[in-house]
Amino acid sequence: MPHAFEVFLDPIRNSEVAQVAIIAVVILTISDVCFGCINALLHREFSSSKMREGIAHKSTSFGFILVADVVDGAIIGGLDLGFSAPVLVFACSYLVLMEIASLLETFCKLNPSLADTPLFALFSRGQNDGQR
């Protein structure tokens, strides 16, 4: 494969942290979809149009990862974008946090008694502060 293409694989191939981050996003995304379906079925709110919308949103997460990988590859390839941070790992970290928040929200819908636990109280307090 020409070097011009190899450079875009390097941010993933040469970084165990990036590999773990991508796998974490994939596992959490699949978990979020599964628990979201369980919640929708439990509450008799399952809707194919809502499912398509959710899949579109999840797909954009993987597009976000692709863009971050291309940016990192371009930087490795010598393109000066004005920064040199590991964009891919940052993007995956952001997505991991988003998926965790989404899962916690779904868990509270599936088991409302979880909302009274200290961990979930911290989570919901942070959400309420942002809404004020």
C-alpha atoms as a PDB file:
ATOM      1  CA  MET A   1       0.000   0.000   0.000  1.00  0.00           C
ATOM      2  CA  PRO A   2       1.409   3.444  -0.874  1.00  0.00           C
ATOM      3  CA  HIS A   3       2.698   5.559   2.002  1.00  0.00           C
ATOM      4  CA  ALA A   4       0.013   8.147   1.282  1.00  0.00           C
ATOM      5  CA  PHE A   5      -2.614   5.614   2.419  1.00  0.00           C
ATOM      6  CA  GLU A   6      -0.530   3.952   5.135  1.00  0.00           C
ATOM      7  CA  VAL A   7      -0.235   7.214   7.032  1.00  0.00           C
ATOM      8  CA  PHE A   8      -3.984   7.120   7.736  1.00  0.00           C
ATOM      9  CA  LEU A   9      -3.731   3.645   9.283  1.00  0.00           C
ATOM     10  CA  ASP A  10      -0.777   4.588  11.506  1.00  0.00           C
ATOM     11  CA  PRO A  11      -2.807   6.441  14.195  1.00  0.00           C
ATOM     12  CA  ILE A  12      -4.674   3.189  14.870  1.00  0.00           C
ATOM     13  CA  ARG A  13      -2.045   0.576  14.055  1.00  0.00           C
ATOM     14  CA  ASN A  14       0.707   2.226  16.106  1.00  0.00           C
ATOM     15  CA  SER A  15      -1.336   3.172  19.175  1.00  0.00           C
ATOM     16  CA  GLU A  16      -2.680   0.618  21.600  1.00  0.00           C
ATOM     17  CA  VAL A  17      -4.535   3.451  23.346  1.00  0.00           C
ATOM     18  CA  ALA A  18      -6.333   4.330  20.090  1.00  0.00           C
ATOM     19  CA  GLN A  19      -7.211   0.672  19.518  1.00  0.00           C
ATOM     20  CA  VAL A  20      -8.634   0.324  23.033  1.00  0.00           C
ATOM     21  CA  ALA A  21     -10.524   3.626  22.664  1.00  0.00           C
ATOM     22  CA  ILE A  22     -12.145   2.539  19.388  1.00  0.00           C
ATOM     23  CA  ILE A  23     -13.107  -0.851  20.815  1.00  0.00           C
ATOM     24  CA  ALA A  24     -14.572   0.887  23.891  1.00  0.00           C
ATOM     25  CA  VAL A  25     -16.706   3.111  21.641  1.00  0.00           C
ATOM     26  CA  VAL A  26     -17.914   0.088  19.659  1.00  0.00           C
ATOM     27  CA  ILE A  27     -18.786  -1.950  22.785  1.00  0.00           C
ATOM     28  CA  LEU A  28     -20.551   0.964  24.493  1.00  0.00           C
ATOM     29  CA  THR A  29     -22.444   1.908  21.313  1.00  0.00           C
ATOM     30  CA  ILE A  30     -23.690  -1.646  20.805  1.00  0.00           C
ATOM     31  CA  SER A  31     -24.638  -1.821  24.496  1.00  0.00           C
ATOM     32  CA  ASP A  32     -26.505   1.483  24.258  1.00  0.00           C
ATOM     33  CA  VAL A  33     -28.488   0.280  21.235  1.00  0.00           C
ATOM     34  CA  CYS A  34     -29.323  -3.043  22.931  1.00  0.00           C
ATOM     35  CA  PHE A  35     -30.422  -1.472  26.214  1.00  0.00           C
ATOM     36  CA  GLY A  36     -32.315   1.225  24.315  1.00  0.00           C
ATOM     37  CA  CYS A  37     -34.251  -1.494  22.468  1.00  0.00           C
ATOM     38  CA  ILE A  38     -34.937  -3.317  25.732  1.00  0.00           C
ATOM     39  CA  ASN A  39     -36.220  -0.062  27.255  1.00  0.00           C
ATOM     40  CA  ALA A  40     -38.406   0.683  24.225  1.00  0.00           C
ATOM     41  CA  LEU A  41     -39.866  -2.828  24.252  1.00  0.00           C
ATOM     42  CA  LEU A  42     -40.449  -2.734  28.022  1.00  0.00           C
ATOM     43  CA  HIS A  43     -42.323   0.560  27.801  1.00  0.00           C
ATOM     44  CA  ARG A  44     -44.073  -0.386  24.541  1.00  0.00           C
ATOM     45  CA  GLU A  45     -42.439   2.553  22.753  1.00  0.00           C
ATOM     46  CA  PHE A  46     -40.588   0.612  20.073  1.00  0.00           C
ATOM     47  CA  SER A  47     -40.710   2.502  16.791  1.00  0.00           C
ATOM     48  CA  SER A  48     -38.860   1.693  13.583  1.00  0.00           C
ATOM     49  CA  SER A  49     -38.591   5.386  12.697  1.00  0.00           C
ATOM     50  CA  LYS A  50     -37.075   6.161  16.101  1.00  0.00           C
ATOM     51  CA  MET A  51     -34.715   3.189  15.648  1.00  0.00           C
ATOM     52  CA  ARG A  52     -33.600   4.503  12.240  1.00  0.00           C
ATOM     53  CA  GLU A  53     -32.974   7.917  13.790  1.00  0.00           C
ATOM     54  CA  GLY A  54     -30.937   6.325  16.582  1.00  0.00           C
ATOM     55  CA  ILE A  55     -28.883   4.291  14.109  1.00  0.00           C
ATOM     56  CA  ALA A  56     -28.216   7.460  12.107  1.00  0.00           C
ATOM     57  CA  HIS A  57     -26.978   9.184  15.273  1.00  0.00           C
ATOM     58  CA  LYS A  58     -24.753   6.232  16.176  1.00  0.00           C
ATOM     59  CA  SER A  59     -23.390   6.137  12.616  1.00  0.00           C
ATOM     60  CA  THR A  60     -22.279   9.737  12.911  1.00  0.00           C
ATOM     61  CA  SER A  61     -20.167   8.692  15.900  1.00  0.00           C
ATOM     62  CA  PHE A  62     -18.230   6.347  13.657  1.00  0.00           C
ATOM     63  CA  GLY A  63     -17.958   9.128  11.065  1.00  0.00           C
ATOM     64  CA  PHE A  64     -16.492  11.291  13.833  1.00  0.00           C
ATOM     65  CA  ILE A  65     -13.877   8.586  14.480  1.00  0.00           C
ATOM     66  CA  LEU A  66     -13.069   8.394  10.769  1.00  0.00           C
ATOM     67  CA  VAL A  67     -12.572  12.157  10.520  1.00  0.00           C
ATOM     68  CA  ALA A  68     -10.376  12.148  13.640  1.00  0.00           C
ATOM     69  CA  ASP A  69      -8.251   9.348  12.156  1.00  0.00           C
ATOM     70  CA  VAL A  70      -7.832  11.267   8.896  1.00  0.00           C
ATOM     71  CA  VAL A  71      -6.794  14.396  10.822  1.00  0.00           C
ATOM     72  CA  ASP A  72      -4.229  12.420  12.825  1.00  0.00           C
ATOM     73  CA  GLY A  73      -2.966  10.765   9.632  1.00  0.00           C
ATOM     74  CA  ALA A  74      -2.659  14.118   7.900  1.00  0.00           C
ATOM     75  CA  ILE A  75      -0.639  15.465  10.835  1.00  0.00           C
ATOM     76  CA  ILE A  76       1.601  12.370  10.812  1.00  0.00           C
ATOM     77  CA  GLY A  77       1.975  12.809   7.037  1.00  0.00           C
ATOM     78  CA  GLY A  78       3.339  16.314   7.554  1.00  0.00           C
ATOM     79  CA  LEU A  79       0.303  18.552   7.124  1.00  0.00           C
ATOM     80  CA  ASP A  80       0.559  21.473   9.547  1.00  0.00           C
ATOM     81  CA  LEU A  81      -2.881  22.070  11.039  1.00  0.00           C
ATOM     82  CA  GLY A  82      -1.542  24.174  13.895  1.00  0.00           C
ATOM     83  CA  PHE A  83      -1.733  21.419  16.514  1.00  0.00           C
ATOM     84  CA  SER A  84      -0.307  17.972  17.081  1.00  0.00           C
ATOM     85  CA  ALA A  85      -2.617  16.455  19.678  1.00  0.00           C
ATOM     86  CA  PRO A  86      -3.845  12.873  19.241  1.00  0.00           C
ATOM     87  CA  VAL A  87      -7.220  13.847  17.798  1.00  0.00           C
ATOM     88  CA  LEU A  88      -8.400  10.251  17.398  1.00  0.00           C
ATOM     89  CA  VAL A  89      -7.927   9.365  21.067  1.00  0.00           C
ATOM     90  CA  PHE A  90      -9.566  12.639  22.137  1.00  0.00           C
ATOM     91  CA  ALA A  91     -12.551  12.012  19.836  1.00  0.00           C
ATOM     92  CA  CYS A  92     -12.965   8.452  21.112  1.00  0.00           C
ATOM     93  CA  SER A  93     -12.696   9.625  24.721  1.00  0.00           C
ATOM     94  CA  TYR A  94     -15.476  12.131  24.100  1.00  0.00           C
ATOM     95  CA  LEU A  95     -17.655   9.438  22.499  1.00  0.00           C
ATOM     96  CA  VAL A  96     -16.986   7.017  25.377  1.00  0.00           C
ATOM     97  CA  LEU A  97     -18.190   9.637  27.868  1.00  0.00           C
ATOM     98  CA  MET A  98     -21.287  10.337  25.763  1.00  0.00           C
ATOM     99  CA  GLU A  99     -22.140   6.630  25.544  1.00  0.00           C
ATOM    100  CA  ILE A 100     -21.645   6.160  29.295  1.00  0.00           C
ATOM    101  CA  ALA A 101     -24.023   9.060  29.985  1.00  0.00           C
ATOM    102  CA  SER A 102     -26.574   7.620  27.548  1.00  0.00           C
ATOM    103  CA  LEU A 103     -26.326   4.172  29.140  1.00  0.00           C
ATOM    104  CA  LEU A 104     -26.757   5.592  32.653  1.00  0.00           C
ATOM    105  CA  GLU A 105     -29.854   7.446  31.487  1.00  0.00           C
ATOM    106  CA  THR A 106     -31.286   4.273  29.960  1.00  0.00           C
ATOM    107  CA  PHE A 107     -30.469   2.246  33.085  1.00  0.00           C
ATOM    108  CA  CYS A 108     -32.490   4.736  35.149  1.00  0.00           C
ATOM    109  CA  LYS A 109     -35.431   4.291  32.789  1.00  0.00           C
ATOM    110  CA  LEU A 110     -35.161   0.500  33.041  1.00  0.00           C
ATOM    111  CA  ASN A 111     -34.668   0.473  36.802  1.00  0.00           C
ATOM    112  CA  PRO A 112     -35.903   3.724  38.404  1.00  0.00           C
ATOM    113  CA  SER A 113     -34.575   2.691  41.834  1.00  0.00           C
ATOM    114  CA  LEU A 114     -31.062   3.252  40.457  1.00  0.00           C
ATOM    115  CA  ALA A 115     -31.812   6.962  40.284  1.00  0.00           C
ATOM    116  CA  ASP A 116     -31.709   7.064  44.092  1.00  0.00           C
ATOM    117  CA  THR A 117     -28.154   5.692  44.329  1.00  0.00           C
ATOM    118  CA  PRO A 118     -25.241   8.080  45.011  1.00  0.00           C
ATOM    119  CA  LEU A 119     -23.649   7.504  41.571  1.00  0.00           C
ATOM    120  CA  PHE A 120     -26.825   8.286  39.696  1.00  0.00           C
ATOM    121  CA  ALA A 121     -27.568  11.230  41.992  1.00  0.00           C
ATOM    122  CA  LEU A 122     -24.250  12.758  40.931  1.00  0.00           C
ATOM    123  CA  PHE A 123     -25.112  12.136  37.293  1.00  0.00           C
ATOM    124  CA  SER A 124     -28.570  13.682  37.478  1.00  0.00           C
ATOM    125  CA  ARG A 125     -27.326  16.636  39.562  1.00  0.00           C
ATOM    126  CA  GLY A 126     -24.868  17.460  36.769  1.00  0.00           C
ATOM    127  CA  GLN A 127     -27.679  17.351  34.222  1.00  0.00           C
ATOM    128  CA  ASN A 128     -29.925  19.606  36.268  1.00  0.00           C
ATOM    129  CA  ASP A 129     -27.161  22.169  36.779  1.00  0.00           C
ATOM    130  CA  GLY A 130     -26.810  22.491  33.003  1.00  0.00           C
ATOM    131  CA  GLN A 131     -30.526  23.141  32.581  1.00  0.00           C
ATOM    132  CA  ARG A 132     -30.723  26.103  34.932  1.00  0.00           C
END
